[in-house]
PDB file of all heavy atoms in Angstrom:
ATOM      1  N   THR A   1       5.269 -12.304  42.865  1.00  0.00           N
ATOM      2  CA  THR A   1       3.904 -12.678  42.971  1.00  0.00           C
ATOM      3  C   THR A   1       3.186 -11.879  44.051  1.00  0.00           C
ATOM      4  O   THR A   1       3.506 -12.066  45.239  1.00  0.00           O
ATOM      5  CB  THR A   1       3.747 -14.182  43.283  1.00  0.00           C
ATOM      6  OG1 THR A   1       4.372 -14.951  42.302  1.00  0.00           O
ATOM      7  CG2 THR A   1       2.294 -14.586  43.359  1.00  0.00           C
ATOM      8  N   PRO A   2       2.263 -11.017  43.730  1.00  0.00           N
ATOM      9  CA  PRO A   2       1.383 -10.442  44.761  1.00  0.00           C
ATOM     10  C   PRO A   2       0.379 -11.485  45.215  1.00  0.00           C
ATOM     11  O   PRO A   2      -0.355 -11.961  44.405  1.00  0.00           O
ATOM     12  CB  PRO A   2       0.675  -9.259  44.032  1.00  0.00           C
ATOM     13  CG  PRO A   2       1.379  -9.124  42.684  1.00  0.00           C
ATOM     14  CD  PRO A   2       1.963 -10.475  42.402  1.00  0.00           C
ATOM     15  N   TRP A   3       0.433 -11.889  46.492  1.00  0.00           N
ATOM     16  CA  TRP A   3      -0.306 -13.022  46.943  1.00  0.00           C
ATOM     17  C   TRP A   3      -1.559 -12.639  47.687  1.00  0.00           C
ATOM     18  O   TRP A   3      -1.567 -11.765  48.500  1.00  0.00           O
ATOM     19  CB  TRP A   3       0.640 -13.854  47.849  1.00  0.00           C
ATOM     20  CG  TRP A   3       0.157 -15.241  48.176  1.00  0.00           C
ATOM     21  CD1 TRP A   3      -0.143 -15.751  49.370  1.00  0.00           C
ATOM     22  CD2 TRP A   3      -0.037 -16.322  47.236  1.00  0.00           C
ATOM     23  NE1 TRP A   3      -0.520 -17.090  49.240  1.00  0.00           N
ATOM     24  CE2 TRP A   3      -0.504 -17.442  47.919  1.00  0.00           C
ATOM     25  CE3 TRP A   3       0.100 -16.432  45.861  1.00  0.00           C
ATOM     26  CZ2 TRP A   3      -0.813 -18.620  47.368  1.00  0.00           C
ATOM     27  CZ3 TRP A   3      -0.189 -17.617  45.245  1.00  0.00           C
ATOM     28  CH2 TRP A   3      -0.659 -18.695  45.952  1.00  0.00           C
ATOM     29  N   LEU A   4      -2.653 -13.385  47.439  1.00  0.00           N
ATOM     30  CA  LEU A   4      -3.928 -13.204  48.099  1.00  0.00           C
ATOM     31  C   LEU A   4      -4.436 -11.784  48.005  1.00  0.00           C
ATOM     32  O   LEU A   4      -4.933 -11.175  49.006  1.00  0.00           O
ATOM     33  CB  LEU A   4      -3.843 -13.650  49.612  1.00  0.00           C
ATOM     34  CG  LEU A   4      -3.424 -15.076  49.818  1.00  0.00           C
ATOM     35  CD1 LEU A   4      -3.401 -15.348  51.321  1.00  0.00           C
ATOM     36  CD2 LEU A   4      -4.355 -16.067  49.113  1.00  0.00           C
ATOM     37  N   ARG A   5      -4.346 -11.193  46.839  1.00  0.00           N
ATOM     38  CA  ARG A   5      -4.723  -9.774  46.654  1.00  0.00           C
ATOM     39  C   ARG A   5      -6.198  -9.542  46.874  1.00  0.00           C
ATOM     40  O   ARG A   5      -6.651  -8.438  47.136  1.00  0.00           O
ATOM     41  CB  ARG A   5      -4.307  -9.305  45.277  1.00  0.00           C
ATOM     42  CG  ARG A   5      -2.874  -8.840  45.181  1.00  0.00           C
ATOM     43  CD  ARG A   5      -2.630  -7.669  46.090  1.00  0.00           C
ATOM     44  NE  ARG A   5      -1.297  -7.079  45.930  1.00  0.00           N
ATOM     45  CZ  ARG A   5      -0.235  -7.318  46.658  1.00  0.00           C
ATOM     46  NH1 ARG A   5      -0.356  -8.189  47.704  1.00  0.00           N
ATOM     47  NH2 ARG A   5       0.900  -6.756  46.412  1.00  0.00           N
ATOM     48  N   SER A   6      -7.029 -10.563  46.790  1.00  0.00           N
ATOM     49  CA  SER A   6      -8.445 -10.437  47.051  1.00  0.00           C
ATOM     50  C   SER A   6      -8.741 -10.235  48.525  1.00  0.00           C
ATOM     51  O   SER A   6      -9.845  -9.844  48.878  1.00  0.00           O
ATOM     52  CB  SER A   6      -9.256 -11.617  46.466  1.00  0.00           C
ATOM     53  OG  SER A   6      -8.849 -12.815  47.077  1.00  0.00           O
ATOM     54  N   LEU A   7      -7.774 -10.600  49.365  1.00  0.00           N
ATOM     55  CA  LEU A   7      -7.956 -10.471  50.822  1.00  0.00           C
ATOM     56  C   LEU A   7      -7.118  -9.254  51.375  1.00  0.00           C
ATOM     57  O   LEU A   7      -7.713  -8.479  52.175  1.00  0.00           O
ATOM     58  CB  LEU A   7      -7.530 -11.729  51.527  1.00  0.00           C
ATOM     59  CG  LEU A   7      -8.312 -12.996  51.171  1.00  0.00           C
ATOM     60  CD1 LEU A   7      -7.660 -14.185  51.908  1.00  0.00           C
ATOM     61  CD2 LEU A   7      -9.796 -12.860  51.448  1.00  0.00           C
ATOM     62  N   VAL A   8      -5.896  -9.165  51.043  1.00  0.00           N
ATOM     63  CA  VAL A   8      -5.036  -8.127  51.574  1.00  0.00           C
ATOM     64  C   VAL A   8      -4.175  -7.565  50.423  1.00  0.00           C
ATOM     65  O   VAL A   8      -4.123  -8.197  49.311  1.00  0.00           O
ATOM     66  CB  VAL A   8      -4.116  -8.621  52.704  1.00  0.00           C
ATOM     67  CG1 VAL A   8      -4.911  -8.969  53.952  1.00  0.00           C
ATOM     68  CG2 VAL A   8      -3.306  -9.844  52.222  1.00  0.00           C
ATOM     69  N   ASN A   9      -3.487  -6.464  50.692  1.00  0.00           N
ATOM     70  CA  ASN A   9      -2.729  -5.839  49.556  1.00  0.00           C
ATOM     71  C   ASN A   9      -1.222  -5.760  49.850  1.00  0.00           C
ATOM     72  O   ASN A   9      -0.543  -5.068  49.187  1.00  0.00           O
ATOM     73  CB  ASN A   9      -3.286  -4.429  49.276  1.00  0.00           C
ATOM     74  CG  ASN A   9      -3.171  -3.515  50.512  1.00  0.00           C
ATOM     75  OD1 ASN A   9      -2.632  -3.884  51.511  1.00  0.00           O
ATOM     76  ND2 ASN A   9      -3.707  -2.345  50.323  1.00  0.00           N
ATOM     77  N   ASP A  10      -0.745  -6.488  50.889  1.00  0.00           N
ATOM     78  CA  ASP A  10       0.675  -6.360  51.193  1.00  0.00           C
ATOM     79  C   ASP A  10       1.367  -7.716  51.475  1.00  0.00           C
ATOM     80  O   ASP A  10       2.401  -7.745  52.112  1.00  0.00           O
ATOM     81  CB  ASP A  10       0.869  -5.422  52.409  1.00  0.00           C
ATOM     82  CG  ASP A  10       0.141  -5.896  53.693  1.00  0.00           C
ATOM     83  OD1 ASP A  10      -0.624  -6.918  53.547  1.00  0.00           O
ATOM     84  OD2 ASP A  10       0.311  -5.310  54.713  1.00  0.00           O
ATOM     85  N   ILE A  11       0.808  -8.849  50.945  1.00  0.00           N
ATOM     86  CA  ILE A  11       1.478 -10.127  51.034  1.00  0.00           C
ATOM     87  C   ILE A  11       2.117 -10.387  49.672  1.00  0.00           C
ATOM     88  O   ILE A  11       1.462 -10.334  48.644  1.00  0.00           O
ATOM     89  CB  ILE A  11       0.493 -11.254  51.398  1.00  0.00           C
ATOM     90  CG1 ILE A  11      -0.069 -10.969  52.810  1.00  0.00           C
ATOM     91  CG2 ILE A  11       1.230 -12.580  51.355  1.00  0.00           C
ATOM     92  CD1 ILE A  11      -1.032 -12.078  53.262  1.00  0.00           C
ATOM     93  N   ASP A  12       3.429 -10.649  49.656  1.00  0.00           N
ATOM     94  CA  ASP A  12       4.195 -10.820  48.425  1.00  0.00           C
ATOM     95  C   ASP A  12       5.113 -11.962  48.497  1.00  0.00           C
ATOM     96  O   ASP A  12       5.673 -12.297  49.591  1.00  0.00           O
ATOM     97  CB  ASP A  12       4.966  -9.512  48.086  1.00  0.00           C
ATOM     98  CG  ASP A  12       4.110  -8.251  48.092  1.00  0.00           C
ATOM     99  OD1 ASP A  12       3.382  -8.022  47.161  1.00  0.00           O
ATOM    100  OD2 ASP A  12       4.159  -7.539  49.162  1.00  0.00           O
ATOM    101  N   LEU A  13       5.449 -12.607  47.335  1.00  0.00           N
ATOM    102  CA  LEU A  13       6.436 -13.581  47.216  1.00  0.00           C
ATOM    103  C   LEU A  13       7.502 -13.086  46.157  1.00  0.00           C
ATOM    104  O   LEU A  13       7.103 -12.808  45.030  1.00  0.00           O
ATOM    105  CB  LEU A  13       5.837 -14.893  46.781  1.00  0.00           C
ATOM    106  CG  LEU A  13       6.881 -16.030  46.426  1.00  0.00           C
ATOM    107  CD1 LEU A  13       7.669 -16.408  47.645  1.00  0.00           C
ATOM    108  CD2 LEU A  13       6.147 -17.269  45.872  1.00  0.00           C
ATOM    109  N   ALA A  14       8.722 -13.058  46.603  1.00  0.00           N
ATOM    110  CA  ALA A  14       9.806 -12.708  45.662  1.00  0.00           C
ATOM    111  C   ALA A  14      10.752 -13.934  45.544  1.00  0.00           C
ATOM    112  O   ALA A  14      11.041 -14.542  46.567  1.00  0.00           O
ATOM    113  CB  ALA A  14      10.576 -11.512  46.165  1.00  0.00           C
ATOM    114  N   TYR A  15      11.222 -14.208  44.368  1.00  0.00           N
ATOM    115  CA  TYR A  15      11.993 -15.434  44.098  1.00  0.00           C
ATOM    116  C   TYR A  15      13.078 -15.131  43.090  1.00  0.00           C
ATOM    117  O   TYR A  15      12.837 -14.634  42.013  1.00  0.00           O
ATOM    118  CB  TYR A  15      11.119 -16.556  43.623  1.00  0.00           C
ATOM    119  CG  TYR A  15      11.779 -17.912  43.487  1.00  0.00           C
ATOM    120  CD1 TYR A  15      12.110 -18.665  44.590  1.00  0.00           C
ATOM    121  CD2 TYR A  15      12.088 -18.428  42.212  1.00  0.00           C
ATOM    122  CE1 TYR A  15      12.715 -19.916  44.463  1.00  0.00           C
ATOM    123  CE2 TYR A  15      12.689 -19.672  42.073  1.00  0.00           C
ATOM    124  CZ  TYR A  15      12.980 -20.414  43.215  1.00  0.00           C
ATOM    125  OH  TYR A  15      13.596 -21.649  43.067  1.00  0.00           O
ATOM    126  N   LEU A  16      14.346 -15.337  43.533  1.00  0.00           N
ATOM    127  CA  LEU A  16      15.508 -15.139  42.650  1.00  0.00           C
ATOM    128  C   LEU A  16      16.144 -16.499  42.416  1.00  0.00           C
ATOM    129  O   LEU A  16      16.454 -17.199  43.344  1.00  0.00           O
ATOM    130  CB  LEU A  16      16.459 -14.156  43.347  1.00  0.00           C
ATOM    131  CG  LEU A  16      17.853 -14.000  42.657  1.00  0.00           C
ATOM    132  CD1 LEU A  16      17.659 -13.257  41.311  1.00  0.00           C
ATOM    133  CD2 LEU A  16      18.780 -13.158  43.542  1.00  0.00           C
ATOM    134  N   ALA A  17      16.368 -16.859  41.140  1.00  0.00           N
ATOM    135  CA  ALA A  17      16.983 -18.131  40.790  1.00  0.00           C
ATOM    136  C   ALA A  17      17.981 -17.969  39.663  1.00  0.00           C
ATOM    137  O   ALA A  17      17.874 -17.009  38.856  1.00  0.00           O
ATOM    138  CB  ALA A  17      15.906 -19.111  40.287  1.00  0.00           C
ATOM    139  N   GLY A  18      19.003 -18.788  39.669  1.00  0.00           N
ATOM    140  CA  GLY A  18      20.041 -18.701  38.646  1.00  0.00           C
ATOM    141  C   GLY A  18      20.791 -20.030  38.544  1.00  0.00           C
ATOM    142  O   GLY A  18      20.751 -20.885  39.432  1.00  0.00           O
ATOM    143  N   TYR A  19      21.501 -20.206  37.451  1.00  0.00           N
ATOM    144  CA  TYR A  19      22.293 -21.405  37.264  1.00  0.00           C
ATOM    145  C   TYR A  19      23.517 -21.125  36.384  1.00  0.00           C
ATOM    146  O   TYR A  19      23.586 -20.103  35.728  1.00  0.00           O
ATOM    147  CB  TYR A  19      21.447 -22.516  36.594  1.00  0.00           C
ATOM    148  CG  TYR A  19      21.191 -22.257  35.081  1.00  0.00           C
ATOM    149  CD1 TYR A  19      22.025 -22.848  34.095  1.00  0.00           C
ATOM    150  CD2 TYR A  19      20.175 -21.435  34.687  1.00  0.00           C
ATOM    151  CE1 TYR A  19      21.853 -22.595  32.759  1.00  0.00           C
ATOM    152  CE2 TYR A  19      19.958 -21.175  33.315  1.00  0.00           C
ATOM    153  CZ  TYR A  19      20.785 -21.749  32.392  1.00  0.00           C
ATOM    154  OH  TYR A  19      20.608 -21.544  31.030  1.00  0.00           O
ATOM    155  N   TYR A  20      24.478 -22.033  36.442  1.00  0.00           N
ATOM    156  CA  TYR A  20      25.655 -21.951  35.602  1.00  0.00           C
ATOM    157  C   TYR A  20      26.056 -23.378  35.206  1.00  0.00           C
ATOM    158  O   TYR A  20      26.257 -24.239  36.083  1.00  0.00           O
ATOM    159  CB  TYR A  20      26.792 -21.258  36.302  1.00  0.00           C
ATOM    160  CG  TYR A  20      28.091 -21.205  35.473  1.00  0.00           C
ATOM    161  CD1 TYR A  20      28.220 -20.262  34.455  1.00  0.00           C
ATOM    162  CD2 TYR A  20      29.125 -22.136  35.720  1.00  0.00           C
ATOM    163  CE1 TYR A  20      29.397 -20.198  33.711  1.00  0.00           C
ATOM    164  CE2 TYR A  20      30.273 -22.067  34.978  1.00  0.00           C
ATOM    165  CZ  TYR A  20      30.393 -21.106  33.926  1.00  0.00           C
ATOM    166  OH  TYR A  20      31.532 -21.108  33.208  1.00  0.00           O
ATOM    167  N   ARG A  21      26.147 -23.625  33.911  1.00  0.00           N
ATOM    168  CA  ARG A  21      26.583 -24.961  33.425  1.00  0.00           C
ATOM    169  C   ARG A  21      28.045 -25.088  33.459  1.00  0.00           C
ATOM    170  O   ARG A  21      28.814 -24.252  32.988  1.00  0.00           O
ATOM    171  CB  ARG A  21      26.039 -25.183  32.000  1.00  0.00           C
ATOM    172  CG  ARG A  21      24.638 -25.741  31.933  1.00  0.00           C
ATOM    173  CD  ARG A  21      24.306 -26.468  30.651  1.00  0.00           C
ATOM    174  NE  ARG A  21      24.396 -25.621  29.482  1.00  0.00           N
ATOM    175  CZ  ARG A  21      25.303 -25.765  28.510  1.00  0.00           C
ATOM    176  NH1 ARG A  21      26.162 -26.725  28.587  1.00  0.00           N
ATOM    177  NH2 ARG A  21      25.264 -24.971  27.482  1.00  0.00           N
ATOM    178  N   ILE A  22      28.511 -26.204  34.037  1.00  0.00           N
ATOM    179  CA  ILE A  22      29.951 -26.484  34.125  1.00  0.00           C
ATOM    180  C   ILE A  22      30.258 -27.520  33.032  1.00  0.00           C
ATOM    181  O   ILE A  22      29.886 -28.647  33.143  1.00  0.00           O
ATOM    182  CB  ILE A  22      30.329 -27.094  35.529  1.00  0.00           C
ATOM    183  CG1 ILE A  22      29.866 -26.136  36.629  1.00  0.00           C
ATOM    184  CG2 ILE A  22      31.820 -27.336  35.602  1.00  0.00           C
ATOM    185  CD1 ILE A  22      30.025 -26.713  37.971  1.00  0.00           C
ATOM    186  N   GLY A  23      30.971 -27.062  31.995  1.00  0.00           N
ATOM    187  CA  GLY A  23      31.192 -27.975  30.875  1.00  0.00           C
ATOM    188  C   GLY A  23      29.861 -28.310  30.185  1.00  0.00           C
ATOM    189  O   GLY A  23      28.966 -27.523  30.094  1.00  0.00           O
ATOM    190  N   ASP A  24      29.822 -29.524  29.657  1.00  0.00           N
ATOM    191  CA  ASP A  24      28.644 -29.948  28.918  1.00  0.00           C
ATOM    192  C   ASP A  24      27.718 -30.890  29.679  1.00  0.00           C
ATOM    193  O   ASP A  24      26.638 -31.302  29.198  1.00  0.00           O
ATOM    194  CB  ASP A  24      29.043 -30.657  27.632  1.00  0.00           C
ATOM    195  CG  ASP A  24      29.816 -29.704  26.693  1.00  0.00           C
ATOM    196  OD1 ASP A  24      29.443 -28.500  26.680  1.00  0.00           O
ATOM    197  OD2 ASP A  24      30.743 -30.127  25.955  1.00  0.00           O
ATOM    198  N   TYR A  25      28.173 -31.318  30.904  1.00  0.00           N
ATOM    199  CA  TYR A  25      27.433 -32.424  31.558  1.00  0.00           C
ATOM    200  C   TYR A  25      26.936 -32.084  32.995  1.00  0.00           C
ATOM    201  O   TYR A  25      26.279 -32.929  33.607  1.00  0.00           O
ATOM    202  CB  TYR A  25      28.310 -33.683  31.596  1.00  0.00           C
ATOM    203  CG  TYR A  25      28.792 -34.103  30.229  1.00  0.00           C
ATOM    204  CD1 TYR A  25      30.071 -33.880  29.822  1.00  0.00           C
ATOM    205  CD2 TYR A  25      27.879 -34.707  29.337  1.00  0.00           C
ATOM    206  CE1 TYR A  25      30.547 -34.278  28.543  1.00  0.00           C
ATOM    207  CE2 TYR A  25      28.331 -35.120  28.064  1.00  0.00           C
ATOM    208  CZ  TYR A  25      29.618 -34.916  27.670  1.00  0.00           C
ATOM    209  OH  TYR A  25      30.062 -35.289  26.477  1.00  0.00           O
ATOM    210  N   SER A  26      27.227 -30.938  33.511  1.00  0.00           N
ATOM    211  CA  SER A  26      26.778 -30.642  34.888  1.00  0.00           C
ATOM    212  C   SER A  26      26.503 -29.172  35.038  1.00  0.00           C
ATOM    213  O   SER A  26      26.875 -28.339  34.167  1.00  0.00           O
ATOM    214  CB  SER A  26      27.879 -31.052  35.880  1.00  0.00           C
ATOM    215  OG  SER A  26      29.066 -30.357  35.678  1.00  0.00           O
ATOM    216  N   ALA A  27      25.859 -28.834  36.151  1.00  0.00           N
ATOM    217  CA  ALA A  27      25.489 -27.425  36.456  1.00  0.00           C
ATOM    218  C   ALA A  27      25.359 -27.192  37.883  1.00  0.00           C
ATOM    219  O   ALA A  27      25.024 -28.133  38.633  1.00  0.00           O
ATOM    220  CB  ALA A  27      24.185 -27.088  35.686  1.00  0.00           C
ATOM    221  N   VAL A  28      25.574 -25.946  38.292  1.00  0.00           N
ATOM    222  CA  VAL A  28      25.265 -25.580  39.670  1.00  0.00           C
ATOM    223  C   VAL A  28      24.211 -24.490  39.587  1.00  0.00           C
ATOM    224  O   VAL A  28      24.123 -23.735  38.636  1.00  0.00           O
ATOM    225  CB  VAL A  28      26.543 -24.966  40.377  1.00  0.00           C
ATOM    226  CG1 VAL A  28      27.522 -26.060  40.690  1.00  0.00           C
ATOM    227  CG2 VAL A  28      27.171 -23.873  39.599  1.00  0.00           C
ATOM    228  N   SER A  29      23.372 -24.497  40.585  1.00  0.00           N
ATOM    229  CA  SER A  29      22.221 -23.548  40.628  1.00  0.00           C
ATOM    230  C   SER A  29      21.910 -23.157  42.028  1.00  0.00           C
ATOM    231  O   SER A  29      22.299 -23.794  43.005  1.00  0.00           O
ATOM    232  CB  SER A  29      21.014 -24.175  39.963  1.00  0.00           C
ATOM    233  OG  SER A  29      20.726 -25.472  40.549  1.00  0.00           O
ATOM    234  N   ALA A  30      21.155 -22.089  42.201  1.00  0.00           N
ATOM    235  CA  ALA A  30      20.765 -21.555  43.515  1.00  0.00           C
ATOM    236  C   ALA A  30      19.537 -20.736  43.382  1.00  0.00           C
ATOM    237  O   ALA A  30      19.176 -20.246  42.309  1.00  0.00           O
ATOM    238  CB  ALA A  30      21.909 -20.736  44.107  1.00  0.00           C
ATOM    239  N   SER A  31      18.857 -20.572  44.554  1.00  0.00           N
ATOM    240  CA  SER A  31      17.681 -19.693  44.596  1.00  0.00           C
ATOM    241  C   SER A  31      17.481 -19.141  45.972  1.00  0.00           C
ATOM    242  O   SER A  31      17.929 -19.707  46.974  1.00  0.00           O
ATOM    243  CB  SER A  31      16.426 -20.456  44.127  1.00  0.00           C
ATOM    244  OG  SER A  31      16.014 -21.382  45.136  1.00  0.00           O
ATOM    245  N   LEU A  32      16.854 -17.978  45.993  1.00  0.00           N
ATOM    246  CA  LEU A  32      16.508 -17.295  47.243  1.00  0.00           C
ATOM    247  C   LEU A  32      15.045 -16.944  47.166  1.00  0.00           C
ATOM    248  O   LEU A  32      14.560 -16.285  46.249  1.00  0.00           O
ATOM    249  CB  LEU A  32      17.324 -15.993  47.408  1.00  0.00           C
ATOM    250  CG  LEU A  32      16.958 -15.092  48.559  1.00  0.00           C
ATOM    251  CD1 LEU A  32      17.258 -15.810  49.895  1.00  0.00           C
ATOM    252  CD2 LEU A  32      17.760 -13.797  48.506  1.00  0.00           C
ATOM    253  N   ARG A  33      14.270 -17.376  48.204  1.00  0.00           N
ATOM    254  CA  ARG A  33      12.844 -17.157  48.274  1.00  0.00           C
ATOM    255  C   ARG A  33      12.564 -16.257  49.506  1.00  0.00           C
ATOM    256  O   ARG A  33      13.044 -16.576  50.592  1.00  0.00           O
ATOM    257  CB  ARG A  33      12.160 -18.468  48.376  1.00  0.00           C
ATOM    258  CG  ARG A  33      10.626 -18.353  48.631  1.00  0.00           C
ATOM    259  CD  ARG A  33      10.015 -19.747  48.917  1.00  0.00           C
ATOM    260  NE  ARG A  33       9.993 -20.534  47.704  1.00  0.00           N
ATOM    261  CZ  ARG A  33       8.909 -20.778  47.005  1.00  0.00           C
ATOM    262  NH1 ARG A  33       7.733 -20.304  47.379  1.00  0.00           N
ATOM    263  NH2 ARG A  33       8.952 -21.509  45.889  1.00  0.00           N
ATOM    264  N   TYR A  34      11.745 -15.201  49.298  1.00  0.00           N
ATOM    265  CA  TYR A  34      11.341 -14.377  50.411  1.00  0.00           C
ATOM    266  C   TYR A  34       9.844 -14.157  50.352  1.00  0.00           C
ATOM    267  O   TYR A  34       9.311 -13.618  49.321  1.00  0.00           O
ATOM    268  CB  TYR A  34      12.091 -13.041  50.369  1.00  0.00           C
ATOM    269  CG  TYR A  34      11.830 -12.114  51.549  1.00  0.00           C
ATOM    270  CD1 TYR A  34      12.583 -12.238  52.692  1.00  0.00           C
ATOM    271  CD2 TYR A  34      10.808 -11.178  51.504  1.00  0.00           C
ATOM    272  CE1 TYR A  34      12.345 -11.442  53.811  1.00  0.00           C
ATOM    273  CE2 TYR A  34      10.549 -10.375  52.604  1.00  0.00           C
ATOM    274  CZ  TYR A  34      11.311 -10.516  53.722  1.00  0.00           C
ATOM    275  OH  TYR A  34      11.112  -9.727  54.840  1.00  0.00           O
ATOM    276  N   PHE A  35       9.152 -14.522  51.375  1.00  0.00           N
ATOM    277  CA  PHE A  35       7.712 -14.450  51.458  1.00  0.00           C
ATOM    278  C   PHE A  35       7.337 -13.471  52.600  1.00  0.00           C
ATOM    279  O   PHE A  35       7.537 -13.791  53.761  1.00  0.00           O
ATOM    280  CB  PHE A  35       7.074 -15.844  51.699  1.00  0.00           C
ATOM    281  CG  PHE A  35       5.554 -15.855  51.760  1.00  0.00           C
ATOM    282  CD1 PHE A  35       4.844 -15.580  50.570  1.00  0.00           C
ATOM    283  CD2 PHE A  35       4.878 -16.082  52.892  1.00  0.00           C
ATOM    284  CE1 PHE A  35       3.447 -15.586  50.617  1.00  0.00           C
ATOM    285  CE2 PHE A  35       3.514 -16.132  52.964  1.00  0.00           C
ATOM    286  CZ  PHE A  35       2.825 -15.874  51.788  1.00  0.00           C
ATOM    287  N   SER A  36       6.807 -12.343  52.237  1.00  0.00           N
ATOM    288  CA  SER A  36       6.418 -11.320  53.236  1.00  0.00           C
ATOM    289  C   SER A  36       4.905 -11.383  53.520  1.00  0.00           C
ATOM    290  O   SER A  36       4.126 -11.390  52.588  1.00  0.00           O
ATOM    291  CB  SER A  36       6.783  -9.904  52.723  1.00  0.00           C
ATOM    292  OG  SER A  36       6.250  -8.909  53.533  1.00  0.00           O
ATOM    293  N   LEU A  37       4.551 -11.426  54.791  1.00  0.00           N
ATOM    294  CA  LEU A  37       3.169 -11.431  55.205  1.00  0.00           C
ATOM    295  C   LEU A  37       2.638 -10.018  55.467  1.00  0.00           C
ATOM    296  O   LEU A  37       1.602  -9.889  56.054  1.00  0.00           O
ATOM    297  CB  LEU A  37       2.976 -12.309  56.403  1.00  0.00           C
ATOM    298  CG  LEU A  37       2.840 -13.793  56.101  1.00  0.00           C
ATOM    299  CD1 LEU A  37       4.319 -14.399  55.959  1.00  0.00           C
ATOM    300  CD2 LEU A  37       2.121 -14.573  57.228  1.00  0.00           C
ATOM    301  N   GLY A  38       3.379  -9.013  55.021  1.00  0.00           N
ATOM    302  CA  GLY A  38       2.941  -7.630  55.164  1.00  0.00           C
ATOM    303  C   GLY A  38       3.040  -7.141  56.600  1.00  0.00           C
ATOM    304  O   GLY A  38       3.779  -7.668  57.413  1.00  0.00           O
TER     305      GLY A  38
END
């Protein structure tokens, strides 16, 4: 996500997410969020 582009041009949000189902009834998941203020 390029953030607040009407104000500045170097603020960005990057988000990585993933999951894995264990059998038929459960899952593990994780995510990494990085927000740069330029």
